[in-house]
Amino acid sequence: MEIQFIAGLYPIIFWIFLVTFCIYTVRSIRRSSDIKAKQLERIEKKVDQLLNEQNSTK
């Protein structure tokens, strides 16, 4: 009886682990894409500044 109960818990534990892992993976991907988007915005601002400086010196 006890062994069947423990064996019945394994699929439940597996699915909980799988769902948790998927949520963690999706969040980390979103975080990294947010960081990349912020870096791109900074680069764009710097490029705009450099172009404005170059145009104003001409």
N, C-alpha and C. Protein backbone atom coordinates (compact mmCIF):
# COMPACT_ATOMS: atom_id res chain seq x y z
N MET A 1 0.84 -1.20 0.00
CA MET A 1 0.00 0.00 0.00
C MET A 1 0.87 1.25 0.00
N GLU A 2 1.86 1.27 0.87
CA GLU A 2 2.73 2.44 0.96
C GLU A 2 3.53 2.65 -0.32
N ILE A 3 4.01 1.54 -0.90
CA ILE A 3 4.82 1.63 -2.12
C ILE A 3 3.97 2.16 -3.27
N GLN A 4 2.73 1.73 -3.38
CA GLN A 4 1.85 2.23 -4.44
C GLN A 4 1.61 3.73 -4.27
N PHE A 5 1.42 4.15 -3.04
CA PHE A 5 1.18 5.58 -2.77
C PHE A 5 2.39 6.41 -3.20
N ILE A 6 3.59 5.94 -2.83
CA ILE A 6 4.81 6.66 -3.20
C ILE A 6 5.00 6.64 -4.71
N ALA A 7 4.74 5.51 -5.35
CA ALA A 7 4.86 5.42 -6.81
C ALA A 7 3.84 6.33 -7.49
N GLY A 8 2.70 6.53 -6.88
CA GLY A 8 1.69 7.43 -7.44
C GLY A 8 2.09 8.89 -7.33
N LEU A 9 2.98 9.21 -6.40
CA LEU A 9 3.42 10.61 -6.24
C LEU A 9 4.46 11.01 -7.28
N TYR A 10 5.20 10.04 -7.82
CA TYR A 10 6.28 10.37 -8.75
C TYR A 10 5.80 11.16 -9.98
N PRO A 11 4.72 10.76 -10.64
CA PRO A 11 4.25 11.58 -11.79
C PRO A 11 3.87 13.00 -11.39
N ILE A 12 3.24 13.13 -10.22
CA ILE A 12 2.84 14.46 -9.74
C ILE A 12 4.07 15.32 -9.49
N ILE A 13 5.06 14.74 -8.83
CA ILE A 13 6.31 15.48 -8.56
C ILE A 13 7.00 15.84 -9.87
N PHE A 14 6.99 14.91 -10.82
CA PHE A 14 7.62 15.17 -12.13
C PHE A 14 6.95 16.34 -12.83
N TRP A 15 5.61 16.36 -12.86
CA TRP A 15 4.90 17.45 -13.55
C TRP A 15 5.11 18.78 -12.86
N ILE A 16 5.13 18.78 -11.54
CA ILE A 16 5.39 20.03 -10.80
C ILE A 16 6.78 20.55 -11.16
N PHE A 17 7.77 19.65 -11.19
CA PHE A 17 9.12 20.04 -11.56
C PHE A 17 9.17 20.58 -12.98
N LEU A 18 8.49 19.89 -13.90
CA LEU A 18 8.49 20.30 -15.31
C LEU A 18 7.88 21.69 -15.49
N VAL A 19 6.74 21.93 -14.85
CA VAL A 19 6.07 23.24 -14.96
C VAL A 19 6.95 24.33 -14.35
N THR A 20 7.54 24.06 -13.20
CA THR A 20 8.42 25.04 -12.55
C THR A 20 9.61 25.36 -13.44
N PHE A 21 10.19 24.34 -14.03
CA PHE A 21 11.34 24.54 -14.91
C PHE A 21 10.97 25.38 -16.13
N CYS A 22 9.80 25.10 -16.72
CA CYS A 22 9.35 25.87 -17.88
C CYS A 22 9.11 27.34 -17.53
N ILE A 23 8.48 27.59 -16.39
CA ILE A 23 8.23 28.97 -15.96
C ILE A 23 9.55 29.70 -15.74
N TYR A 24 10.50 29.03 -15.09
CA TYR A 24 11.81 29.64 -14.85
C TYR A 24 12.51 29.97 -16.17
N THR A 25 12.45 29.04 -17.12
CA THR A 25 13.10 29.25 -18.42
C THR A 25 12.48 30.43 -19.16
N VAL A 26 11.17 30.51 -19.19
CA VAL A 26 10.49 31.61 -19.89
C VAL A 26 10.84 32.95 -19.25
N ARG A 27 10.85 32.99 -17.91
CA ARG A 27 11.17 34.25 -17.23
C ARG A 27 12.60 34.68 -17.51
N SER A 28 13.54 33.73 -17.52
CA SER A 28 14.93 34.10 -17.77
C SER A 28 15.11 34.59 -19.20
N ILE A 29 14.39 33.99 -20.15
CA ILE A 29 14.47 34.45 -21.55
C ILE A 29 13.91 35.87 -21.65
N ARG A 30 12.78 36.13 -21.00
CA ARG A 30 12.21 37.48 -21.04
C ARG A 30 13.15 38.50 -20.43
N ARG A 31 13.77 38.11 -19.30
CA ARG A 31 14.70 39.02 -18.62
C ARG A 31 15.87 39.37 -19.54
N SER A 32 16.43 38.36 -20.19
CA SER A 32 17.59 38.62 -21.05
C SER A 32 17.19 39.47 -22.25
N SER A 33 15.98 39.26 -22.79
CA SER A 33 15.55 40.07 -23.92
C SER A 33 15.28 41.51 -23.48
N ASP A 34 14.77 41.71 -22.26
CA ASP A 34 14.58 43.07 -21.74
C ASP A 34 15.91 43.78 -21.60
N ILE A 35 16.92 43.07 -21.11
CA ILE A 35 18.25 43.66 -20.94
C ILE A 35 18.81 44.05 -22.31
N LYS A 36 18.64 43.18 -23.29
CA LYS A 36 19.15 43.48 -24.64
C LYS A 36 18.43 44.69 -25.23
N ALA A 37 17.12 44.79 -24.99
CA ALA A 37 16.36 45.93 -25.51
C ALA A 37 16.86 47.23 -24.88
N LYS A 38 17.14 47.21 -23.58
CA LYS A 38 17.65 48.42 -22.91
C LYS A 38 19.02 48.80 -23.46
N GLN A 39 19.88 47.80 -23.70
CA GLN A 39 21.20 48.07 -24.26
C GLN A 39 21.07 48.68 -25.66
N LEU A 40 20.14 48.17 -26.46
CA LEU A 40 19.93 48.72 -27.80
C LEU A 40 19.46 50.17 -27.73
N GLU A 41 18.58 50.47 -26.78
CA GLU A 41 18.11 51.84 -26.63
C GLU A 41 19.28 52.77 -26.28
N ARG A 42 20.15 52.33 -25.39
CA ARG A 42 21.31 53.15 -25.03
C ARG A 42 22.21 53.38 -26.23
N ILE A 43 22.45 52.33 -27.00
CA ILE A 43 23.30 52.46 -28.19
C ILE A 43 22.68 53.42 -29.19
N GLU A 44 21.35 53.29 -29.38
CA GLU A 44 20.67 54.20 -30.31
C GLU A 44 20.80 55.65 -29.86
N LYS A 45 20.66 55.90 -28.56
CA LYS A 45 20.80 57.27 -28.05
C LYS A 45 22.21 57.80 -28.30
N LYS A 46 23.22 56.96 -28.05
CA LYS A 46 24.60 57.39 -28.27
C LYS A 46 24.85 57.69 -29.73
N VAL A 47 24.32 56.84 -30.62
CA VAL A 47 24.49 57.07 -32.06
C VAL A 47 23.82 58.38 -32.46
N ASP A 48 22.62 58.62 -31.95
CA ASP A 48 21.92 59.87 -32.25
C ASP A 48 22.72 61.08 -31.77
N GLN A 49 23.28 60.97 -30.56
CA GLN A 49 24.09 62.06 -30.03
C GLN A 49 25.30 62.32 -30.92
N LEU A 50 25.97 61.25 -31.31
CA LEU A 50 27.16 61.40 -32.16
C LEU A 50 26.79 62.02 -33.52
N LEU A 51 25.67 61.57 -34.09
CA LEU A 51 25.25 62.14 -35.37
C LEU A 51 24.89 63.60 -35.23
N ASN A 52 24.22 63.97 -34.15
CA ASN A 52 23.87 65.37 -33.93
C ASN A 52 25.11 66.24 -33.76
N GLU A 53 26.10 65.71 -33.00
CA GLU A 53 27.35 66.45 -32.83
C GLU A 53 28.07 66.63 -34.16
N GLN A 54 28.06 65.57 -34.95
CA GLN A 54 28.74 65.64 -36.24
C GLN A 54 28.05 66.62 -37.17
N ASN A 55 26.73 66.64 -37.16
CA ASN A 55 25.99 67.56 -38.02
C ASN A 55 26.16 69.00 -37.54
N SER A 56 26.26 69.21 -36.25
CA SER A 56 26.37 70.57 -35.75
C SER A 56 27.78 71.14 -35.98
N THR A 57 28.78 70.30 -36.10
CA THR A 57 30.14 70.80 -36.35
C THR A 57 30.36 71.16 -37.81
N LYS A 58 29.54 70.62 -38.69
CA LYS A 58 29.72 70.93 -40.13
C LYS A 58 29.21 72.30 -40.49
